[in-house]
Amino acid sequence: RLRGGTLGLIGYGRIGQAVHRKAAALGLARVLVHDPFLKSLPEDVE
């Protein structure tokens, strides 16, 4: 099952952010992001 799982995103530009939004509908509510170029991230990602 996908619901309740963790999504790891390597890169969080336009497409990574869009995948985050769409994956939320599948229940992948916990999101980890690795992107050394971003100075800040939304509150709902780690």
All heavy atoms as atom14 arrays in JSON, in Angstrom:
{
  "sequence": "RLRGGTLGLIGYGRIGQAVHRKAAALGLARVLVHDPFLKSLPEDVE",
  "atom14_mask": [
    [1, 1, 1, 1, 1, 1, 1, 1, 1, 1, 1, 0, 0, 0],
    [1, 1, 1, 1, 1, 1, 1, 1, 0, 0, 0, 0, 0, 0],
    [1, 1, 1, 1, 1, 1, 1, 1, 1, 1, 1, 0, 0, 0],
    [1, 1, 1, 1, 0, 0, 0, 0, 0, 0, 0, 0, 0, 0],
    [1, 1, 1, 1, 0, 0, 0, 0, 0, 0, 0, 0, 0, 0],
    [1, 1, 1, 1, 1, 1, 1, 0, 0, 0, 0, 0, 0, 0],
    [1, 1, 1, 1, 1, 1, 1, 1, 0, 0, 0, 0, 0, 0],
    [1, 1, 1, 1, 0, 0, 0, 0, 0, 0, 0, 0, 0, 0],
    [1, 1, 1, 1, 1, 1, 1, 1, 0, 0, 0, 0, 0, 0],
    [1, 1, 1, 1, 1, 1, 1, 1, 0, 0, 0, 0, 0, 0],
    [1, 1, 1, 1, 0, 0, 0, 0, 0, 0, 0, 0, 0, 0],
    [1, 1, 1, 1, 1, 1, 1, 1, 1, 1, 1, 1, 0, 0],
    [1, 1, 1, 1, 0, 0, 0, 0, 0, 0, 0, 0, 0, 0],
    [1, 1, 1, 1, 1, 1, 1, 1, 1, 1, 1, 0, 0, 0],
    [1, 1, 1, 1, 1, 1, 1, 1, 0, 0, 0, 0, 0, 0],
    [1, 1, 1, 1, 0, 0, 0, 0, 0, 0, 0, 0, 0, 0],
    [1, 1, 1, 1, 1, 1, 1, 1, 1, 0, 0, 0, 0, 0],
    [1, 1, 1, 1, 1, 0, 0, 0, 0, 0, 0, 0, 0, 0],
    [1, 1, 1, 1, 1, 1, 1, 0, 0, 0, 0, 0, 0, 0],
    [1, 1, 1, 1, 1, 1, 1, 1, 1, 1, 0, 0, 0, 0],
    [1, 1, 1, 1, 1, 1, 1, 1, 1, 1, 1, 0, 0, 0],
    [1, 1, 1, 1, 1, 1, 1, 1, 1, 0, 0, 0, 0, 0],
    [1, 1, 1, 1, 1, 0, 0, 0, 0, 0, 0, 0, 0, 0],
    [1, 1, 1, 1, 1, 0, 0, 0, 0, 0, 0, 0, 0, 0],
    [1, 1, 1, 1, 1, 0, 0, 0, 0, 0, 0, 0, 0, 0],
    [1, 1, 1, 1, 1, 1, 1, 1, 0, 0, 0, 0, 0, 0],
    [1, 1, 1, 1, 0, 0, 0, 0, 0, 0, 0, 0, 0, 0],
    [1, 1, 1, 1, 1, 1, 1, 1, 0, 0, 0, 0, 0, 0],
    [1, 1, 1, 1, 1, 0, 0, 0, 0, 0, 0, 0, 0, 0],
    [1, 1, 1, 1, 1, 1, 1, 1, 1, 1, 1, 0, 0, 0],
    [1, 1, 1, 1, 1, 1, 1, 0, 0, 0, 0, 0, 0, 0],
    [1, 1, 1, 1, 1, 1, 1, 1, 0, 0, 0, 0, 0, 0],
    [1, 1, 1, 1, 1, 1, 1, 0, 0, 0, 0, 0, 0, 0],
    [1, 1, 1, 1, 1, 1, 1, 1, 1, 1, 0, 0, 0, 0],
    [1, 1, 1, 1, 1, 1, 1, 1, 0, 0, 0, 0, 0, 0],
    [1, 1, 1, 1, 1, 1, 1, 0, 0, 0, 0, 0, 0, 0],
    [1, 1, 1, 1, 1, 1, 1, 1, 1, 1, 1, 0, 0, 0],
    [1, 1, 1, 1, 1, 1, 1, 1, 0, 0, 0, 0, 0, 0],
    [1, 1, 1, 1, 1, 1, 1, 1, 1, 0, 0, 0, 0, 0],
    [1, 1, 1, 1, 1, 1, 0, 0, 0, 0, 0, 0, 0, 0],
    [1, 1, 1, 1, 1, 1, 1, 1, 0, 0, 0, 0, 0, 0],
    [1, 1, 1, 1, 1, 1, 1, 0, 0, 0, 0, 0, 0, 0],
    [1, 1, 1, 1, 1, 1, 1, 1, 1, 0, 0, 0, 0, 0],
    [1, 1, 1, 1, 1, 1, 1, 1, 0, 0, 0, 0, 0, 0],
    [1, 1, 1, 1, 1, 1, 1, 0, 0, 0, 0, 0, 0, 0],
    [1, 1, 1, 1, 1, 1, 1, 1, 1, 0, 0, 0, 0, 0]
  ],
  "atom14_positions": [
    [[0.83, -1.2, 0.0], [0.0, 0.0, 0.0], [0.87, 1.26, 0.0], [1.88, 1.33, 0.69], [-0.89, -0.02, 1.24], [-1.83, 1.16, 1.37], [-2.67, 1.03, 2.63], [-3.55, -0.12, 2.54], [-4.1, -0.71, 3.61], [-3.83, -0.28, 4.83], [-4.9, -1.75, 3.45], [0.0, 0.0, 0.0], [0.0, 0.0, 0.0], [0.0, 0.0, 0.0]],
    [[0.44, 2.26, -0.79], [1.17, 3.53, -0.83], [0.76, 4.44, 0.32], [1.61, 5.16, 0.88], [0.92, 4.23, -2.16], [1.53, 3.57, -3.39], [1.07, 4.28, -4.66], [3.06, 3.58, -3.31], [0.0, 0.0, 0.0], [0.0, 0.0, 0.0], [0.0, 0.0, 0.0], [0.0, 0.0, 0.0], [0.0, 0.0, 0.0], [0.0, 0.0, 0.0]],
    [[-0.51, 4.45, 0.67], [-0.99, 5.36, 1.71], [-0.23, 5.12, 3.01], [-0.03, 3.98, 3.43], [-2.49, 5.18, 1.93], [-3.07, 6.13, 3.0], [-4.58, 6.12, 2.98], [-5.09, 6.68, 1.73], [-5.2, 7.97, 1.43], [-4.81, 8.88, 2.34], [-5.68, 8.37, 0.29], [0.0, 0.0, 0.0], [0.0, 0.0, 0.0], [0.0, 0.0, 0.0]],
    [[0.21, 6.21, 3.6], [0.96, 6.13, 4.85], [2.46, 6.04, 4.65], [3.21, 6.07, 5.62], [0.0, 0.0, 0.0], [0.0, 0.0, 0.0], [0.0, 0.0, 0.0], [0.0, 0.0, 0.0], [0.0, 0.0, 0.0], [0.0, 0.0, 0.0], [0.0, 0.0, 0.0], [0.0, 0.0, 0.0], [0.0, 0.0, 0.0], [0.0, 0.0, 0.0]],
    [[2.89, 5.97, 3.4], [4.31, 5.85, 3.11], [5.01, 7.19, 3.05], [4.39, 8.26, 3.14], [0.0, 0.0, 0.0], [0.0, 0.0, 0.0], [0.0, 0.0, 0.0], [0.0, 0.0, 0.0], [0.0, 0.0, 0.0], [0.0, 0.0, 0.0], [0.0, 0.0, 0.0], [0.0, 0.0, 0.0], [0.0, 0.0, 0.0], [0.0, 0.0, 0.0]],
    [[6.32, 7.13, 2.85], [7.17, 8.32, 2.8], [7.68, 8.52, 1.37], [8.19, 7.57, 0.76], [8.35, 8.18, 3.75], [7.86, 8.13, 5.1], [9.32, 9.35, 3.62], [0.0, 0.0, 0.0], [0.0, 0.0, 0.0], [0.0, 0.0, 0.0], [0.0, 0.0, 0.0], [0.0, 0.0, 0.0], [0.0, 0.0, 0.0], [0.0, 0.0, 0.0]],
    [[7.54, 9.73, 0.87], [8.04, 10.11, -0.44], [9.36, 10.85, -0.28], [9.44, 11.84, 0.45], [7.02, 11.02, -1.15], [7.46, 11.68, -2.46], [7.71, 10.64, -3.54], [6.41, 12.7, -2.92], [0.0, 0.0, 0.0], [0.0, 0.0, 0.0], [0.0, 0.0, 0.0], [0.0, 0.0, 0.0], [0.0, 0.0, 0.0], [0.0, 0.0, 0.0]],
    [[10.39, 10.37, -0.96], [11.68, 11.06, -0.97], [11.91, 11.7, -2.33], [11.89, 11.02, -3.35], [0.0, 0.0, 0.0], [0.0, 0.0, 0.0], [0.0, 0.0, 0.0], [0.0, 0.0, 0.0], [0.0, 0.0, 0.0], [0.0, 0.0, 0.0], [0.0, 0.0, 0.0], [0.0, 0.0, 0.0], [0.0, 0.0, 0.0], [0.0, 0.0, 0.0]],
    [[12.11, 13.0, -2.35], [12.32, 13.74, -3.58], [13.76, 14.24, -3.63], [14.21, 14.95, -2.73], [11.37, 14.94, -3.67], [9.87, 14.59, -3.76], [9.03, 15.85, -3.57], [9.55, 13.93, -5.1], [0.0, 0.0, 0.0], [0.0, 0.0, 0.0], [0.0, 0.0, 0.0], [0.0, 0.0, 0.0], [0.0, 0.0, 0.0], [0.0, 0.0, 0.0]],
    [[14.47, 13.86, -4.67], [15.82, 14.37, -4.89], [15.71, 15.43, -5.99], [15.57, 15.12, -7.17], [16.78, 13.24, -5.28], [16.85, 12.21, -4.15], [18.17, 13.81, -5.58], [17.73, 11.02, -4.46], [0.0, 0.0, 0.0], [0.0, 0.0, 0.0], [0.0, 0.0, 0.0], [0.0, 0.0, 0.0], [0.0, 0.0, 0.0], [0.0, 0.0, 0.0]],
    [[15.73, 16.69, -5.57], [15.42, 17.82, -6.44], [14.0, 18.29, -6.18], [13.07, 17.48, -6.14], [0.0, 0.0, 0.0], [0.0, 0.0, 0.0], [0.0, 0.0, 0.0], [0.0, 0.0, 0.0], [0.0, 0.0, 0.0], [0.0, 0.0, 0.0], [0.0, 0.0, 0.0], [0.0, 0.0, 0.0], [0.0, 0.0, 0.0], [0.0, 0.0, 0.0]],
    [[13.86, 19.61, -5.96], [12.54, 20.14, -5.59], [12.23, 21.41, -6.36], [11.84, 22.43, -5.81], [12.47, 20.39, -4.08], [11.08, 20.52, -3.52], [10.2, 19.45, -3.53], [10.64, 21.72, -2.97], [8.92, 19.56, -3.01], [9.37, 21.86, -2.43], [8.51, 20.77, -2.47], [7.23, 20.88, -1.95], [0.0, 0.0, 0.0], [0.0, 0.0, 0.0]],
    [[12.44, 21.33, -7.68], [12.04, 22.43, -8.55], [10.59, 22.32, -8.93], [9.77, 21.73, -8.22], [0.0, 0.0, 0.0], [0.0, 0.0, 0.0], [0.0, 0.0, 0.0], [0.0, 0.0, 0.0], [0.0, 0.0, 0.0], [0.0, 0.0, 0.0], [0.0, 0.0, 0.0], [0.0, 0.0, 0.0], [0.0, 0.0, 0.0], [0.0, 0.0, 0.0]],
    [[10.24, 22.87, -10.09], [8.84, 22.88, -10.52], [8.24, 21.48, -10.56], [7.14, 21.23, -10.08], [8.72, 23.51, -11.91], [9.01, 24.99, -11.99], [8.92, 25.47, -13.44], [9.13, 26.89, -13.58], [10.34, 27.45, -13.71], [11.43, 26.68, -13.72], [10.47, 28.76, -13.84], [0.0, 0.0, 0.0], [0.0, 0.0, 0.0], [0.0, 0.0, 0.0]],
    [[8.98, 20.53, -11.16], [8.43, 19.19, -11.33], [8.39, 18.45, -10.0], [7.4, 17.78, -9.68], [9.23, 18.42, -12.39], [9.07, 19.11, -13.75], [8.75, 16.98, -12.48], [10.0, 18.59, -14.82], [0.0, 0.0, 0.0], [0.0, 0.0, 0.0], [0.0, 0.0, 0.0], [0.0, 0.0, 0.0], [0.0, 0.0, 0.0], [0.0, 0.0, 0.0]],
    [[9.45, 18.56, -9.22], [9.45, 17.92, -7.91], [8.3, 18.41, -7.05], [7.64, 17.61, -6.36], [0.0, 0.0, 0.0], [0.0, 0.0, 0.0], [0.0, 0.0, 0.0], [0.0, 0.0, 0.0], [0.0, 0.0, 0.0], [0.0, 0.0, 0.0], [0.0, 0.0, 0.0], [0.0, 0.0, 0.0], [0.0, 0.0, 0.0], [0.0, 0.0, 0.0]],
    [[8.03, 19.7, -7.07], [6.92, 20.25, -6.3], [5.58, 19.74, -6.81], [4.67, 19.45, -6.03], [6.97, 21.77, -6.35], [8.17, 22.37, -5.61], [8.35, 23.84, -5.87], [7.38, 24.59, -5.97], [9.6, 24.29, -5.98], [0.0, 0.0, 0.0], [0.0, 0.0, 0.0], [0.0, 0.0, 0.0], [0.0, 0.0, 0.0], [0.0, 0.0, 0.0]],
    [[5.45, 19.62, -8.15], [4.2, 19.1, -8.72], [3.99, 17.64, -8.34], [2.87, 17.21, -8.05], [4.21, 19.27, -10.24], [0.0, 0.0, 0.0], [0.0, 0.0, 0.0], [0.0, 0.0, 0.0], [0.0, 0.0, 0.0], [0.0, 0.0, 0.0], [0.0, 0.0, 0.0], [0.0, 0.0, 0.0], [0.0, 0.0, 0.0], [0.0, 0.0, 0.0]],
    [[5.07, 16.85, -8.35], [4.96, 15.45, -7.92], [4.54, 15.39, -6.45], [3.7, 14.56, -6.07], [6.29, 14.71, -8.15], [6.3, 13.36, -7.44], [6.54, 14.52, -9.64], [0.0, 0.0, 0.0], [0.0, 0.0, 0.0], [0.0, 0.0, 0.0], [0.0, 0.0, 0.0], [0.0, 0.0, 0.0], [0.0, 0.0, 0.0], [0.0, 0.0, 0.0]],
    [[5.09, 16.25, -5.63], [4.69, 16.32, -4.22], [3.19, 16.53, -4.09], [2.5, 15.81, -3.37], [5.48, 17.44, -3.53], [5.05, 17.72, -2.12], [5.45, 18.85, -1.45], [4.25, 17.04, -1.25], [4.92, 18.84, -0.23], [4.2, 17.77, -0.1], [0.0, 0.0, 0.0], [0.0, 0.0, 0.0], [0.0, 0.0, 0.0], [0.0, 0.0, 0.0]],
    [[2.66, 17.52, -4.81], [1.23, 17.82, -4.72], [0.39, 16.62, -5.16], [-0.62, 16.28, -4.53], [0.88, 19.03, -5.58], [1.47, 20.35, -5.08], [0.86, 21.53, -5.8], [1.09, 21.49, -7.24], [2.14, 22.03, -7.84], [3.1, 22.62, -7.12], [2.28, 21.99, -9.15], [0.0, 0.0, 0.0], [0.0, 0.0, 0.0], [0.0, 0.0, 0.0]],
    [[0.78, 15.98, -6.25], [-0.01, 14.88, -6.79], [0.12, 13.62, -5.94], [-0.83, 12.85, -5.8], [0.39, 14.64, -8.24], [0.03, 15.82, -9.13], [0.58, 15.72, -10.54], [0.24, 16.99, -11.33], [0.75, 16.97, -12.72], [0.0, 0.0, 0.0], [0.0, 0.0, 0.0], [0.0, 0.0, 0.0], [0.0, 0.0, 0.0], [0.0, 0.0, 0.0]],
    [[1.3, 13.41, -5.38], [1.5, 12.23, -4.54], [0.71, 12.31, -3.24], [0.36, 11.28, -2.66], [2.99, 12.06, -4.24], [0.0, 0.0, 0.0], [0.0, 0.0, 0.0], [0.0, 0.0, 0.0], [0.0, 0.0, 0.0], [0.0, 0.0, 0.0], [0.0, 0.0, 0.0], [0.0, 0.0, 0.0], [0.0, 0.0, 0.0], [0.0, 0.0, 0.0]],
    [[0.42, 13.53, -2.82], [-0.37, 13.69, -1.6], [-1.73, 13.03, -1.74], [-2.29, 12.5, -0.77], [-0.53, 15.17, -1.25], [0.0, 0.0, 0.0], [0.0, 0.0, 0.0], [0.0, 0.0, 0.0], [0.0, 0.0, 0.0], [0.0, 0.0, 0.0], [0.0, 0.0, 0.0], [0.0, 0.0, 0.0], [0.0, 0.0, 0.0], [0.0, 0.0, 0.0]],
    [[-2.29, 13.03, -2.95], [-3.59, 12.4, -3.18], [-3.53, 10.88, -3.03], [-4.56, 10.23, -2.83], [-4.1, 12.75, -4.58], [0.0, 0.0, 0.0], [0.0, 0.0, 0.0], [0.0, 0.0, 0.0], [0.0, 0.0, 0.0], [0.0, 0.0, 0.0], [0.0, 0.0, 0.0], [0.0, 0.0, 0.0], [0.0, 0.0, 0.0], [0.0, 0.0, 0.0]],
    [[-2.32, 10.32, -3.14], [-2.14, 8.88, -2.97], [-1.89, 8.51, -1.51], [-1.76, 7.33, -1.19], [-0.96, 8.39, -3.82], [-1.05, 8.67, -5.32], [0.21, 8.19, -6.02], [-2.28, 8.0, -5.92], [0.0, 0.0, 0.0], [0.0, 0.0, 0.0], [0.0, 0.0, 0.0], [0.0, 0.0, 0.0], [0.0, 0.0, 0.0], [0.0, 0.0, 0.0]],
    [[-1.81, 9.5, -0.66], [-1.6, 9.23, 0.75], [-0.15, 9.24, 1.17], [0.16, 8.87, 2.31], [0.0, 0.0, 0.0], [0.0, 0.0, 0.0], [0.0, 0.0, 0.0], [0.0, 0.0, 0.0], [0.0, 0.0, 0.0], [0.0, 0.0, 0.0], [0.0, 0.0, 0.0], [0.0, 0.0, 0.0], [0.0, 0.0, 0.0], [0.0, 0.0, 0.0]],
    [[0.75, 9.65, 0.29], [2.17, 9.78, 0.66], [2.36, 11.13, 1.35], [2.86, 12.08, 0.78], [3.05, 9.65, -0.58], [3.1, 8.26, -1.19], [3.61, 8.3, -2.62], [3.97, 7.33, -0.35], [0.0, 0.0, 0.0], [0.0, 0.0, 0.0], [0.0, 0.0, 0.0], [0.0, 0.0, 0.0], [0.0, 0.0, 0.0], [0.0, 0.0, 0.0]],
    [[1.94, 11.19, 2.59], [1.84, 12.47, 3.28], [3.17, 12.95, 3.85], [3.37, 14.16, 4.02], [0.8, 12.38, 4.4], [0.0, 0.0, 0.0], [0.0, 0.0, 0.0], [0.0, 0.0, 0.0], [0.0, 0.0, 0.0], [0.0, 0.0, 0.0], [0.0, 0.0, 0.0], [0.0, 0.0, 0.0], [0.0, 0.0, 0.0], [0.0, 0.0, 0.0]],
    [[4.06, 12.03, 4.16], [5.37, 12.43, 4.7], [6.34, 12.58, 3.54], [6.52, 11.66, 2.74], [5.89, 11.38, 5.68], [7.24, 11.72, 6.31], [7.57, 10.73, 7.42], [8.85, 11.02, 8.02], [9.93, 10.25, 7.9], [9.87, 9.12, 7.2], [11.07, 10.58, 8.48], [0.0, 0.0, 0.0], [0.0, 0.0, 0.0], [0.0, 0.0, 0.0]],
    [[6.98, 13.75, 3.46], [7.83, 14.06, 2.31], [9.2, 14.51, 2.78], [9.33, 15.45, 3.57], [7.2, 15.15, 1.42], [8.09, 15.44, 0.21], [5.81, 14.72, 0.96], [0.0, 0.0, 0.0], [0.0, 0.0, 0.0], [0.0, 0.0, 0.0], [0.0, 0.0, 0.0], [0.0, 0.0, 0.0], [0.0, 0.0, 0.0], [0.0, 0.0, 0.0]],
    [[10.23, 13.82, 2.28], [11.62, 14.2, 2.52], [12.18, 14.79, 1.24], [11.92, 14.28, 0.15], [12.45, 12.98, 2.92], [11.98, 12.17, 4.12], [12.89, 10.96, 4.33], [11.93, 13.03, 5.38], [0.0, 0.0, 0.0], [0.0, 0.0, 0.0], [0.0, 0.0, 0.0], [0.0, 0.0, 0.0], [0.0, 0.0, 0.0], [0.0, 0.0, 0.0]],
    [[12.95, 15.85, 1.35], [13.5, 16.52, 0.17], [15.0, 16.72, 0.34], [15.47, 17.2, 1.38], [12.82, 17.89, -0.05], [13.59, 18.72, -1.08], [11.38, 17.7, -0.51], [0.0, 0.0, 0.0], [0.0, 0.0, 0.0], [0.0, 0.0, 0.0], [0.0, 0.0, 0.0], [0.0, 0.0, 0.0], [0.0, 0.0, 0.0], [0.0, 0.0, 0.0]],
    [[15.73, 16.36, -0.72], [17.16, 16.7, -0.79], [17.35, 17.62, -1.98], [17.17, 17.23, -3.13], [18.01, 15.45, -0.97], [19.48, 15.77, -1.09], [20.26, 16.05, 0.01], [20.29, 15.9, -2.17], [21.49, 16.31, -0.39], [21.55, 16.25, -1.71], [0.0, 0.0, 0.0], [0.0, 0.0, 0.0], [0.0, 0.0, 0.0], [0.0, 0.0, 0.0]],
    [[17.67, 18.88, -1.7], [17.94, 19.86, -2.74], [18.84, 20.94, -2.15], [18.37, 21.87, -1.51], [16.65, 20.47, -3.28], [16.87, 21.27, -4.56], [17.96, 21.86, -4.71], [15.97, 21.3, -5.42], [0.0, 0.0, 0.0], [0.0, 0.0, 0.0], [0.0, 0.0, 0.0], [0.0, 0.0, 0.0], [0.0, 0.0, 0.0], [0.0, 0.0, 0.0]],
    [[20.16, 20.81, -2.37], [21.09, 21.76, -1.74], [20.99, 23.18, -2.27], [21.57, 24.1, -1.67], [22.47, 21.15, -2.06], [22.25, 20.29, -3.26], [20.85, 19.77, -3.14], [0.0, 0.0, 0.0], [0.0, 0.0, 0.0], [0.0, 0.0, 0.0], [0.0, 0.0, 0.0], [0.0, 0.0, 0.0], [0.0, 0.0, 0.0], [0.0, 0.0, 0.0]],
    [[20.25, 23.39, -3.36], [20.15, 24.73, -3.94], [19.01, 25.54, -3.35], [18.91, 26.73, -3.6], [20.02, 24.64, -5.46], [21.21, 24.02, -6.12], [21.17, 22.7, -6.53], [22.39, 24.73, -6.29], [22.28, 22.11, -7.13], [23.5, 24.16, -6.88], [23.44, 22.84, -7.3], [0.0, 0.0, 0.0], [0.0, 0.0, 0.0], [0.0, 0.0, 0.0]],
    [[18.13, 24.91, -2.6], [17.0, 25.63, -2.02], [17.37, 26.18, -0.65], [17.94, 25.48, 0.19], [15.79, 24.69, -1.89], [15.09, 24.31, -3.2], [13.87, 23.45, -2.89], [14.67, 25.54, -3.98], [0.0, 0.0, 0.0], [0.0, 0.0, 0.0], [0.0, 0.0, 0.0], [0.0, 0.0, 0.0], [0.0, 0.0, 0.0], [0.0, 0.0, 0.0]],
    [[17.01, 27.45, -0.43], [17.3, 28.09, 0.85], [16.19, 27.84, 1.86], [16.4, 27.95, 3.07], [17.5, 29.59, 0.65], [18.72, 29.92, -0.2], [18.89, 31.41, -0.39], [20.12, 31.72, -1.25], [20.28, 33.18, -1.48], [0.0, 0.0, 0.0], [0.0, 0.0, 0.0], [0.0, 0.0, 0.0], [0.0, 0.0, 0.0], [0.0, 0.0, 0.0]],
    [[14.99, 27.54, 1.38], [13.87, 27.26, 2.29], [12.95, 26.25, 1.64], [12.92, 26.1, 0.42], [13.11, 28.55, 2.62], [12.53, 29.1, 1.44], [0.0, 0.0, 0.0], [0.0, 0.0, 0.0], [0.0, 0.0, 0.0], [0.0, 0.0, 0.0], [0.0, 0.0, 0.0], [0.0, 0.0, 0.0], [0.0, 0.0, 0.0], [0.0, 0.0, 0.0]],
    [[12.18, 25.56, 2.48], [11.23, 24.56, 2.02], [9.88, 24.81, 2.69], [9.81, 25.4, 3.76], [11.72, 23.15, 2.39], [12.95, 22.62, 1.62], [13.47, 21.37, 2.3], [12.59, 22.35, 0.18], [0.0, 0.0, 0.0], [0.0, 0.0, 0.0], [0.0, 0.0, 0.0], [0.0, 0.0, 0.0], [0.0, 0.0, 0.0], [0.0, 0.0, 0.0]],
    [[8.81, 24.34, 2.07], [7.5, 24.47, 2.73], [7.48, 23.73, 4.06], [8.28, 22.82, 4.3], [6.54, 23.81, 1.71], [7.26, 23.82, 0.42], [8.72, 23.71, 0.74], [0.0, 0.0, 0.0], [0.0, 0.0, 0.0], [0.0, 0.0, 0.0], [0.0, 0.0, 0.0], [0.0, 0.0, 0.0], [0.0, 0.0, 0.0], [0.0, 0.0, 0.0]],
    [[6.54, 24.11, 4.9], [6.46, 23.52, 6.23], [6.13, 22.04, 6.2], [6.46, 21.3, 7.14], [5.42, 24.27, 7.08], [5.82, 25.7, 7.43], [4.8, 26.38, 8.3], [3.77, 25.75, 8.6], [5.04, 27.55, 8.68], [0.0, 0.0, 0.0], [0.0, 0.0, 0.0], [0.0, 0.0, 0.0], [0.0, 0.0, 0.0], [0.0, 0.0, 0.0]],
    [[5.47, 21.57, 5.12], [5.03, 20.18, 5.09], [6.05, 19.24, 4.48], [5.73, 18.09, 4.19], [3.7, 20.05, 4.35], [3.75, 20.58, 2.92], [4.71, 21.33, 2.6], [2.84, 20.26, 2.14], [0.0, 0.0, 0.0], [0.0, 0.0, 0.0], [0.0, 0.0, 0.0], [0.0, 0.0, 0.0], [0.0, 0.0, 0.0], [0.0, 0.0, 0.0]],
    [[7.29, 19.7, 4.29], [8.36, 18.81, 3.84], [9.55, 18.92, 4.79], [9.72, 19.94, 5.46], [8.8, 19.11, 2.39], [7.63, 19.08, 1.43], [9.53, 20.44, 2.3], [0.0, 0.0, 0.0], [0.0, 0.0, 0.0], [0.0, 0.0, 0.0], [0.0, 0.0, 0.0], [0.0, 0.0, 0.0], [0.0, 0.0, 0.0], [0.0, 0.0, 0.0]],
    [[10.34, 17.85, 4.83], [11.51, 17.83, 5.7], [12.78, 17.8, 4.85], [12.89, 16.96, 3.95], [11.49, 16.58, 6.58], [10.27, 16.45, 7.46], [10.29, 15.13, 8.22], [11.38, 14.75, 8.73], [9.24, 14.47, 8.28], [0.0, 0.0, 0.0], [0.0, 0.0, 0.0], [0.0, 0.0, 0.0], [0.0, 0.0, 0.0], [0.0, 0.0, 0.0]]
  ]
}
